[in-house]
């Protein structure tokens, strides 16, 4: 799908300068305990499905939409698993800081066949938790905090600069 008209309009005004955006991610776990991952087309790295929350959209709704758009899998949200800020610099020079909310999601029975569903993914698939492809620290943080099973959402403690979040 690429960049939304909303973000393209903001970028037309600010160029590559820092843009703070709300985003939602999904740690999708099937009945076998496997995780749904995608290999992103913008940087080639493996990631949990995620994306920007559209104007007027609720975060859980955005997580469900992003999973479907990127992997073809329909999911339901079970709970909020975490929230944190993290910076990103894209290959084209765009700088962003995302306020990311990530959710534990489960596939809708019978609608869990993963496939590349748009131009944001190069590959998608289900992975056993002990045989994951290479992931960066931020991806691992979101997966690990979700899989702990806590009823309360994880957040970065006040005053702590965590390397996994990409801040020095």
N, C-alpha and C. Protein backbone atom coordinates (compact mmCIF):
# COMPACT_ATOMS: atom_id res chain seq x y z
N UNK A 1 0.82 -1.19 0.00
CA UNK A 1 0.00 0.00 0.00
C UNK A 1 0.86 1.25 0.00
N UNK A 2 1.98 1.27 0.73
CA UNK A 2 2.85 2.42 0.73
C UNK A 2 2.39 3.52 1.68
N UNK A 3 2.82 4.72 1.39
CA UNK A 3 2.55 5.87 2.25
C UNK A 3 1.13 6.39 2.02
N UNK A 4 0.42 6.65 3.11
CA UNK A 4 -0.94 7.18 3.00
C UNK A 4 -0.91 8.62 2.50
N UNK A 5 -2.03 9.08 1.97
CA UNK A 5 -2.15 10.46 1.53
C UNK A 5 -1.89 11.43 2.69
N UNK A 6 -2.32 11.05 3.89
CA UNK A 6 -2.12 11.89 5.07
C UNK A 6 -0.63 12.12 5.34
N UNK A 7 0.14 11.03 5.35
CA UNK A 7 1.58 11.15 5.62
C UNK A 7 2.29 11.82 4.45
N UNK A 8 1.89 11.49 3.22
CA UNK A 8 2.49 12.14 2.06
C UNK A 8 2.29 13.65 2.12
N UNK A 9 1.13 14.10 2.57
CA UNK A 9 0.87 15.53 2.71
C UNK A 9 1.75 16.17 3.77
N UNK A 10 1.95 15.46 4.89
CA UNK A 10 2.84 15.98 5.93
C UNK A 10 4.28 16.03 5.42
N UNK A 11 4.71 14.99 4.74
CA UNK A 11 6.08 14.94 4.21
C UNK A 11 6.31 16.05 3.19
N UNK A 12 5.27 16.41 2.41
CA UNK A 12 5.41 17.49 1.43
C UNK A 12 5.72 18.81 2.13
N UNK A 13 5.26 18.94 3.37
CA UNK A 13 5.49 20.18 4.13
C UNK A 13 6.81 20.16 4.89
N UNK A 14 7.21 18.99 5.43
CA UNK A 14 8.38 18.96 6.32
C UNK A 14 9.59 18.24 5.74
N UNK A 15 9.45 17.66 4.57
CA UNK A 15 10.57 16.94 3.97
C UNK A 15 10.92 15.70 4.78
N UNK A 16 12.22 15.48 5.01
CA UNK A 16 12.69 14.30 5.74
C UNK A 16 12.77 14.52 7.24
N UNK A 17 12.39 15.72 7.73
CA UNK A 17 12.49 16.03 9.16
C UNK A 17 11.66 15.08 10.00
N UNK A 18 11.96 15.09 11.31
CA UNK A 18 11.30 14.21 12.26
C UNK A 18 9.78 14.37 12.23
N UNK A 19 9.10 13.25 12.16
CA UNK A 19 7.64 13.19 12.20
C UNK A 19 7.26 12.18 13.28
N UNK A 20 6.44 12.59 14.23
CA UNK A 20 5.98 11.68 15.29
C UNK A 20 4.61 11.14 14.86
N UNK A 21 4.48 9.81 14.93
CA UNK A 21 3.28 9.15 14.43
C UNK A 21 2.80 8.05 15.38
N UNK A 22 1.49 7.91 15.53
CA UNK A 22 0.96 6.75 16.27
C UNK A 22 0.97 5.53 15.37
N UNK A 23 1.30 4.38 15.96
CA UNK A 23 1.32 3.14 15.17
C UNK A 23 0.82 1.98 16.01
N UNK A 24 0.43 0.93 15.32
CA UNK A 24 -0.06 -0.28 15.98
C UNK A 24 0.62 -1.49 15.37
N UNK A 25 0.88 -2.48 16.23
CA UNK A 25 1.53 -3.73 15.81
C UNK A 25 0.77 -4.91 16.39
N UNK A 26 0.98 -6.06 15.78
CA UNK A 26 0.30 -7.28 16.22
C UNK A 26 1.29 -8.41 16.38
N UNK A 27 1.32 -8.97 17.59
CA UNK A 27 2.04 -10.22 17.82
C UNK A 27 0.97 -11.30 17.68
N UNK A 28 0.97 -11.95 16.52
CA UNK A 28 -0.08 -12.91 16.17
C UNK A 28 0.44 -14.31 16.48
N UNK A 29 -0.32 -15.03 17.30
CA UNK A 29 0.06 -16.37 17.73
C UNK A 29 -1.06 -17.33 17.36
N UNK A 30 -0.71 -18.43 16.66
CA UNK A 30 -1.73 -19.41 16.29
C UNK A 30 -1.84 -20.50 17.37
N UNK A 31 -2.73 -21.45 17.17
CA UNK A 31 -2.97 -22.51 18.16
C UNK A 31 -1.74 -23.39 18.40
N UNK A 32 -0.83 -23.44 17.43
CA UNK A 32 0.40 -24.23 17.58
C UNK A 32 1.49 -23.43 18.30
N UNK A 33 1.19 -22.17 18.66
CA UNK A 33 2.18 -21.33 19.33
C UNK A 33 3.15 -20.65 18.39
N UNK A 34 2.89 -20.73 17.09
CA UNK A 34 3.76 -20.10 16.11
C UNK A 34 3.44 -18.61 15.98
N UNK A 35 4.45 -17.85 15.58
CA UNK A 35 4.31 -16.40 15.39
C UNK A 35 4.23 -16.06 13.91
N UNK A 36 3.37 -15.10 13.58
CA UNK A 36 3.24 -14.61 12.22
C UNK A 36 4.21 -13.45 12.02
N UNK A 37 5.12 -13.60 11.03
CA UNK A 37 6.11 -12.57 10.74
C UNK A 37 6.09 -12.25 9.26
N UNK A 38 6.57 -11.05 8.96
CA UNK A 38 6.71 -10.62 7.57
C UNK A 38 8.11 -10.10 7.36
N UNK A 39 8.62 -10.27 6.14
CA UNK A 39 9.88 -9.63 5.77
C UNK A 39 9.52 -8.38 4.99
N UNK A 40 9.88 -7.23 5.54
CA UNK A 40 9.47 -5.93 5.03
C UNK A 40 10.17 -5.61 3.71
N UNK A 41 9.44 -4.96 2.80
CA UNK A 41 10.03 -4.59 1.52
C UNK A 41 10.87 -3.32 1.60
N UNK A 42 10.66 -2.47 2.62
CA UNK A 42 11.43 -1.22 2.69
C UNK A 42 12.86 -1.42 3.16
N UNK A 43 13.09 -2.41 4.04
CA UNK A 43 14.46 -2.61 4.54
C UNK A 43 14.89 -4.08 4.57
N UNK A 44 14.02 -5.00 4.17
CA UNK A 44 14.36 -6.41 4.08
C UNK A 44 14.41 -7.16 5.39
N UNK A 45 14.08 -6.51 6.51
CA UNK A 45 14.17 -7.19 7.80
C UNK A 45 12.85 -7.85 8.16
N UNK A 46 12.94 -8.88 9.01
CA UNK A 46 11.76 -9.58 9.51
C UNK A 46 11.14 -8.77 10.64
N UNK A 47 9.81 -8.78 10.70
CA UNK A 47 9.09 -7.93 11.64
C UNK A 47 7.73 -8.54 11.96
N UNK A 48 7.16 -8.09 13.07
CA UNK A 48 5.75 -8.37 13.30
C UNK A 48 4.96 -7.38 12.45
N UNK A 49 3.73 -7.73 12.03
CA UNK A 49 2.94 -6.79 11.24
C UNK A 49 2.66 -5.50 12.02
N UNK A 50 2.84 -4.37 11.34
CA UNK A 50 2.62 -3.09 12.00
C UNK A 50 2.46 -1.99 10.97
N UNK A 51 1.95 -0.86 11.45
CA UNK A 51 1.79 0.29 10.58
C UNK A 51 1.18 1.46 11.30
N UNK A 52 1.08 2.55 10.58
CA UNK A 52 0.56 3.80 11.12
C UNK A 52 -0.95 3.70 11.33
N UNK A 53 -1.40 4.29 12.43
CA UNK A 53 -2.83 4.39 12.71
C UNK A 53 -3.38 5.54 11.86
N UNK A 54 -4.41 5.26 11.08
CA UNK A 54 -5.01 6.29 10.22
C UNK A 54 -5.82 7.28 11.05
N UNK A 55 -5.96 8.51 10.56
CA UNK A 55 -6.81 9.46 11.27
C UNK A 55 -8.21 8.88 11.52
N UNK A 56 -8.69 8.98 12.75
CA UNK A 56 -10.01 8.49 13.12
C UNK A 56 -10.09 7.01 13.43
N UNK A 57 -8.98 6.29 13.29
CA UNK A 57 -8.96 4.83 13.50
C UNK A 57 -8.49 4.53 14.92
N UNK A 58 -9.10 3.54 15.54
CA UNK A 58 -8.67 3.09 16.86
C UNK A 58 -7.44 2.19 16.72
N UNK A 59 -6.53 2.19 17.71
CA UNK A 59 -5.31 1.38 17.59
C UNK A 59 -5.55 -0.12 17.34
N UNK A 60 -6.50 -0.74 18.05
CA UNK A 60 -6.75 -2.17 17.83
C UNK A 60 -7.27 -2.42 16.42
N UNK A 61 -8.09 -1.52 15.93
CA UNK A 61 -8.61 -1.62 14.56
C UNK A 61 -7.45 -1.54 13.56
N UNK A 62 -6.50 -0.65 13.82
CA UNK A 62 -5.34 -0.51 12.94
C UNK A 62 -4.49 -1.79 12.93
N UNK A 63 -4.32 -2.40 14.10
CA UNK A 63 -3.54 -3.64 14.16
C UNK A 63 -4.20 -4.73 13.32
N UNK A 64 -5.51 -4.88 13.45
CA UNK A 64 -6.25 -5.88 12.67
C UNK A 64 -6.12 -5.59 11.17
N UNK A 65 -6.28 -4.33 10.79
CA UNK A 65 -6.18 -3.93 9.38
C UNK A 65 -4.78 -4.21 8.83
N UNK A 66 -3.74 -3.84 9.59
CA UNK A 66 -2.37 -4.04 9.12
C UNK A 66 -2.05 -5.51 8.90
N UNK A 67 -2.48 -6.37 9.81
CA UNK A 67 -2.22 -7.81 9.65
C UNK A 67 -2.88 -8.31 8.37
N UNK A 68 -4.12 -7.93 8.14
CA UNK A 68 -4.83 -8.38 6.93
C UNK A 68 -4.17 -7.83 5.67
N UNK A 69 -3.85 -6.53 5.68
CA UNK A 69 -3.25 -5.92 4.49
C UNK A 69 -1.89 -6.53 4.15
N UNK A 70 -1.10 -6.84 5.16
CA UNK A 70 0.27 -7.28 4.91
C UNK A 70 0.44 -8.79 4.79
N UNK A 71 -0.46 -9.56 5.43
CA UNK A 71 -0.26 -11.02 5.46
C UNK A 71 -1.45 -11.83 4.96
N UNK A 72 -2.60 -11.17 4.76
CA UNK A 72 -3.81 -11.89 4.34
C UNK A 72 -4.49 -12.66 5.45
N UNK A 73 -4.00 -12.56 6.69
CA UNK A 73 -4.55 -13.29 7.82
C UNK A 73 -5.54 -12.39 8.57
N UNK A 74 -6.73 -12.93 8.87
CA UNK A 74 -7.72 -12.21 9.68
C UNK A 74 -7.47 -12.57 11.14
N UNK A 75 -7.46 -11.54 12.00
CA UNK A 75 -7.18 -11.75 13.42
C UNK A 75 -8.21 -11.07 14.30
N UNK A 76 -8.23 -11.52 15.56
CA UNK A 76 -8.96 -10.82 16.61
C UNK A 76 -7.93 -10.40 17.66
N UNK A 77 -8.21 -9.30 18.32
CA UNK A 77 -7.32 -8.77 19.34
C UNK A 77 -7.73 -9.33 20.69
N UNK A 78 -6.76 -9.86 21.44
CA UNK A 78 -7.02 -10.37 22.79
C UNK A 78 -6.74 -9.34 23.86
N UNK A 79 -5.62 -8.61 23.70
CA UNK A 79 -5.29 -7.62 24.73
C UNK A 79 -4.17 -6.71 24.24
N UNK A 80 -4.09 -5.54 24.87
CA UNK A 80 -2.95 -4.65 24.68
C UNK A 80 -1.76 -5.28 25.39
N UNK A 81 -0.63 -5.40 24.70
CA UNK A 81 0.53 -6.05 25.29
C UNK A 81 1.64 -5.06 25.67
N UNK A 82 1.71 -3.91 24.99
CA UNK A 82 2.76 -2.97 25.31
C UNK A 82 2.63 -1.66 24.56
N UNK A 83 3.40 -0.69 25.04
CA UNK A 83 3.42 0.63 24.41
C UNK A 83 4.79 1.26 24.63
N UNK A 84 5.34 1.86 23.58
CA UNK A 84 6.65 2.51 23.68
C UNK A 84 6.88 3.41 22.47
N UNK A 85 7.79 4.35 22.65
CA UNK A 85 8.27 5.19 21.54
C UNK A 85 9.52 4.53 20.96
N UNK A 86 9.67 4.63 19.65
CA UNK A 86 10.92 4.17 19.04
C UNK A 86 11.18 4.97 17.76
N UNK A 87 12.45 5.32 17.52
CA UNK A 87 12.80 6.08 16.32
C UNK A 87 13.07 5.15 15.13
N UNK A 88 12.86 5.69 13.95
CA UNK A 88 13.16 4.97 12.72
C UNK A 88 13.67 5.98 11.69
N UNK A 89 14.70 5.58 10.99
CA UNK A 89 15.17 6.35 9.83
C UNK A 89 15.06 5.42 8.63
N UNK A 90 14.31 5.85 7.64
CA UNK A 90 14.08 5.03 6.46
C UNK A 90 15.18 5.23 5.43
N UNK A 91 15.36 4.26 4.52
CA UNK A 91 16.41 4.37 3.51
C UNK A 91 16.35 5.66 2.69
N UNK A 92 15.14 6.25 2.53
CA UNK A 92 15.03 7.49 1.75
C UNK A 92 15.37 8.73 2.58
N UNK A 93 15.72 8.55 3.89
CA UNK A 93 16.10 9.67 4.74
C UNK A 93 15.00 10.17 5.66
N UNK A 94 13.78 9.70 5.48
CA UNK A 94 12.67 10.12 6.36
C UNK A 94 12.96 9.69 7.79
N UNK A 95 12.76 10.63 8.74
CA UNK A 95 12.92 10.32 10.16
C UNK A 95 11.55 10.32 10.83
N UNK A 96 11.32 9.29 11.65
CA UNK A 96 10.06 9.18 12.39
C UNK A 96 10.37 8.73 13.81
N UNK A 97 9.47 9.10 14.71
CA UNK A 97 9.39 8.46 16.01
C UNK A 97 7.97 7.97 16.12
N UNK A 98 7.84 6.67 16.35
CA UNK A 98 6.52 6.05 16.46
C UNK A 98 6.15 5.83 17.91
N UNK A 99 4.95 6.23 18.26
CA UNK A 99 4.34 5.80 19.52
C UNK A 99 3.59 4.53 19.15
N UNK A 100 4.18 3.38 19.49
CA UNK A 100 3.65 2.09 19.06
C UNK A 100 2.90 1.39 20.18
N UNK A 101 1.69 0.95 19.85
CA UNK A 101 0.90 0.10 20.74
C UNK A 101 0.87 -1.27 20.09
N UNK A 102 1.31 -2.30 20.84
CA UNK A 102 1.27 -3.64 20.26
C UNK A 102 0.30 -4.52 21.04
N UNK A 103 -0.33 -5.41 20.27
CA UNK A 103 -1.42 -6.22 20.76
C UNK A 103 -1.13 -7.70 20.56
N UNK A 104 -1.63 -8.52 21.49
CA UNK A 104 -1.65 -9.97 21.29
C UNK A 104 -2.88 -10.26 20.45
N UNK A 105 -2.67 -10.94 19.33
CA UNK A 105 -3.76 -11.28 18.42
C UNK A 105 -3.76 -12.78 18.13
N UNK A 106 -4.93 -13.28 17.79
CA UNK A 106 -5.11 -14.68 17.37
C UNK A 106 -5.77 -14.70 16.00
N UNK A 107 -5.38 -15.64 15.15
CA UNK A 107 -6.03 -15.74 13.85
C UNK A 107 -7.46 -16.23 13.99
N UNK A 108 -8.32 -15.73 13.13
CA UNK A 108 -9.70 -16.21 13.05
C UNK A 108 -9.63 -17.63 12.49
N UNK A 109 -10.30 -18.60 13.14
CA UNK A 109 -10.25 -19.99 12.65
C UNK A 109 -10.62 -20.07 11.16
N UNK A 110 -9.77 -20.78 10.42
CA UNK A 110 -9.99 -20.97 9.00
C UNK A 110 -9.51 -19.82 8.12
N UNK A 111 -9.01 -18.75 8.73
CA UNK A 111 -8.55 -17.59 7.95
C UNK A 111 -7.11 -17.24 8.31
N UNK A 112 -6.28 -18.29 8.47
CA UNK A 112 -4.91 -18.09 8.92
C UNK A 112 -3.85 -18.44 7.88
N UNK A 113 -4.26 -18.57 6.61
CA UNK A 113 -3.30 -18.86 5.55
C UNK A 113 -2.52 -17.60 5.23
N UNK A 114 -1.25 -17.57 5.61
CA UNK A 114 -0.41 -16.39 5.41
C UNK A 114 0.08 -16.32 3.97
N UNK A 115 0.07 -15.10 3.42
CA UNK A 115 0.54 -14.86 2.06
C UNK A 115 0.97 -13.40 1.96
N UNK A 116 1.83 -13.10 1.03
CA UNK A 116 2.17 -11.71 0.75
C UNK A 116 0.92 -11.08 0.17
N UNK A 117 0.39 -10.07 0.87
CA UNK A 117 -0.89 -9.49 0.47
C UNK A 117 -0.78 -8.06 -0.07
N UNK A 118 0.38 -7.44 0.03
CA UNK A 118 0.58 -6.11 -0.54
C UNK A 118 2.06 -5.89 -0.81
N UNK A 119 2.40 -4.68 -1.27
CA UNK A 119 3.79 -4.40 -1.62
C UNK A 119 4.67 -4.06 -0.43
N UNK A 120 4.13 -4.10 0.79
CA UNK A 120 4.94 -3.82 1.99
C UNK A 120 5.69 -5.05 2.49
N UNK A 121 5.35 -6.23 1.98
CA UNK A 121 5.98 -7.48 2.43
C UNK A 121 6.63 -8.21 1.27
N UNK A 122 7.80 -8.78 1.54
CA UNK A 122 8.48 -9.63 0.56
C UNK A 122 8.14 -11.09 0.80
N UNK A 123 8.01 -11.46 2.09
CA UNK A 123 7.67 -12.81 2.50
C UNK A 123 6.84 -12.72 3.78
N UNK A 124 6.01 -13.71 4.01
CA UNK A 124 5.30 -13.84 5.27
C UNK A 124 5.26 -15.31 5.65
N UNK A 125 5.13 -15.58 6.94
CA UNK A 125 5.03 -16.97 7.35
C UNK A 125 4.86 -17.13 8.84
N UNK A 126 4.51 -18.36 9.22
CA UNK A 126 4.38 -18.75 10.62
C UNK A 126 5.69 -19.38 11.07
N UNK A 127 6.18 -18.99 12.24
CA UNK A 127 7.46 -19.48 12.74
C UNK A 127 7.32 -19.99 14.16
N UNK A 128 7.92 -21.15 14.41
CA UNK A 128 8.00 -21.66 15.78
C UNK A 128 8.83 -20.66 16.59
N UNK A 129 8.46 -20.47 17.84
CA UNK A 129 9.13 -19.45 18.65
C UNK A 129 10.60 -19.75 18.90
N UNK A 130 11.00 -21.01 18.80
CA UNK A 130 12.41 -21.36 19.00
C UNK A 130 13.20 -21.40 17.69
N UNK A 131 12.56 -21.07 16.57
CA UNK A 131 13.22 -21.07 15.26
C UNK A 131 12.80 -19.83 14.48
N UNK A 132 13.03 -18.66 15.06
CA UNK A 132 12.66 -17.41 14.40
C UNK A 132 13.76 -16.95 13.46
N UNK A 133 13.40 -16.24 12.39
CA UNK A 133 14.43 -15.65 11.53
C UNK A 133 15.13 -14.52 12.30
N UNK A 134 16.21 -13.96 11.75
CA UNK A 134 16.89 -12.86 12.44
C UNK A 134 15.92 -11.70 12.69
N UNK A 135 15.89 -11.23 13.94
CA UNK A 135 15.04 -10.11 14.34
C UNK A 135 15.88 -9.08 15.08
N UNK A 136 15.53 -7.81 14.93
CA UNK A 136 16.26 -6.80 15.70
C UNK A 136 15.74 -6.78 17.14
N UNK A 137 16.42 -6.02 17.98
CA UNK A 137 16.08 -6.00 19.41
C UNK A 137 14.67 -5.49 19.68
N UNK A 138 14.21 -4.53 18.87
CA UNK A 138 12.87 -3.98 19.08
C UNK A 138 11.80 -5.04 18.77
N UNK A 139 11.99 -5.80 17.72
CA UNK A 139 11.04 -6.88 17.40
C UNK A 139 11.02 -7.90 18.54
N UNK A 140 12.20 -8.28 19.01
CA UNK A 140 12.29 -9.25 20.11
C UNK A 140 11.63 -8.73 21.38
N UNK A 141 11.82 -7.44 21.68
CA UNK A 141 11.19 -6.84 22.86
C UNK A 141 9.68 -6.97 22.79
N UNK A 142 9.09 -6.64 21.65
CA UNK A 142 7.63 -6.71 21.53
C UNK A 142 7.13 -8.15 21.63
N UNK A 143 7.84 -9.07 21.03
CA UNK A 143 7.44 -10.47 21.11
C UNK A 143 7.58 -10.98 22.55
N UNK A 144 8.74 -10.74 23.15
CA UNK A 144 8.98 -11.25 24.51
C UNK A 144 8.02 -10.66 25.53
N UNK A 145 7.76 -9.36 25.46
CA UNK A 145 6.84 -8.76 26.43
C UNK A 145 5.42 -9.27 26.24
N UNK A 146 5.05 -9.56 25.02
CA UNK A 146 3.71 -10.10 24.75
C UNK A 146 3.59 -11.53 25.25
N UNK A 147 4.61 -12.33 25.01
CA UNK A 147 4.54 -13.76 25.33
C UNK A 147 4.70 -14.04 26.82
N UNK A 148 5.06 -13.04 27.61
CA UNK A 148 5.12 -13.23 29.07
C UNK A 148 3.75 -13.53 29.66
N UNK A 149 2.71 -13.13 28.95
CA UNK A 149 1.35 -13.44 29.39
C UNK A 149 0.80 -12.54 30.47
N UNK A 150 1.46 -11.44 30.75
CA UNK A 150 0.98 -10.51 31.77
C UNK A 150 -0.34 -9.89 31.35
N UNK A 151 -1.22 -9.68 32.30
CA UNK A 151 -2.50 -9.02 32.00
C UNK A 151 -2.34 -7.52 31.84
N UNK A 152 -1.22 -6.97 32.33
CA UNK A 152 -0.98 -5.55 32.18
C UNK A 152 -0.01 -5.31 31.04
N UNK A 153 -0.19 -4.20 30.35
CA UNK A 153 0.67 -3.87 29.21
C UNK A 153 2.05 -3.46 29.68
N UNK A 154 3.08 -3.86 28.92
CA UNK A 154 4.45 -3.46 29.19
C UNK A 154 4.63 -2.02 28.73
N UNK A 155 5.48 -1.28 29.40
CA UNK A 155 5.85 0.06 28.96
C UNK A 155 7.28 0.33 29.40
N UNK A 156 7.92 1.25 28.72
CA UNK A 156 9.28 1.64 29.08
C UNK A 156 9.22 2.43 30.38
N UNK A 157 9.95 2.01 31.40
CA UNK A 157 9.93 2.72 32.68
C UNK A 157 10.41 4.17 32.53
N UNK A 158 9.79 5.07 33.26
CA UNK A 158 10.18 6.48 33.23
C UNK A 158 11.66 6.63 33.58
N UNK A 159 12.35 7.42 32.79
CA UNK A 159 13.75 7.70 33.05
C UNK A 159 14.73 6.67 32.51
N UNK A 160 14.26 5.57 31.98
CA UNK A 160 15.16 4.54 31.45
C UNK A 160 15.28 4.67 29.93
N UNK A 161 16.49 4.60 29.42
CA UNK A 161 16.74 4.62 27.98
C UNK A 161 17.11 3.20 27.58
N UNK A 162 16.21 2.49 26.97
CA UNK A 162 16.43 1.08 26.62
C UNK A 162 16.99 0.99 25.20
N UNK A 163 18.10 0.30 25.05
CA UNK A 163 18.74 0.16 23.74
C UNK A 163 17.80 -0.49 22.73
N UNK A 164 16.97 -1.42 23.18
CA UNK A 164 16.04 -2.12 22.27
C UNK A 164 15.06 -1.16 21.61
N UNK A 165 14.83 0.00 22.22
CA UNK A 165 13.91 0.97 21.65
C UNK A 165 14.59 1.90 20.65
N UNK A 166 15.90 1.78 20.51
CA UNK A 166 16.62 2.55 19.49
C UNK A 166 17.08 3.92 19.92
N UNK A 167 16.93 4.24 21.20
CA UNK A 167 17.43 5.51 21.71
C UNK A 167 18.77 5.26 22.40
N UNK A 168 19.68 6.18 22.27
CA UNK A 168 20.99 6.03 22.94
C UNK A 168 20.90 6.39 24.41
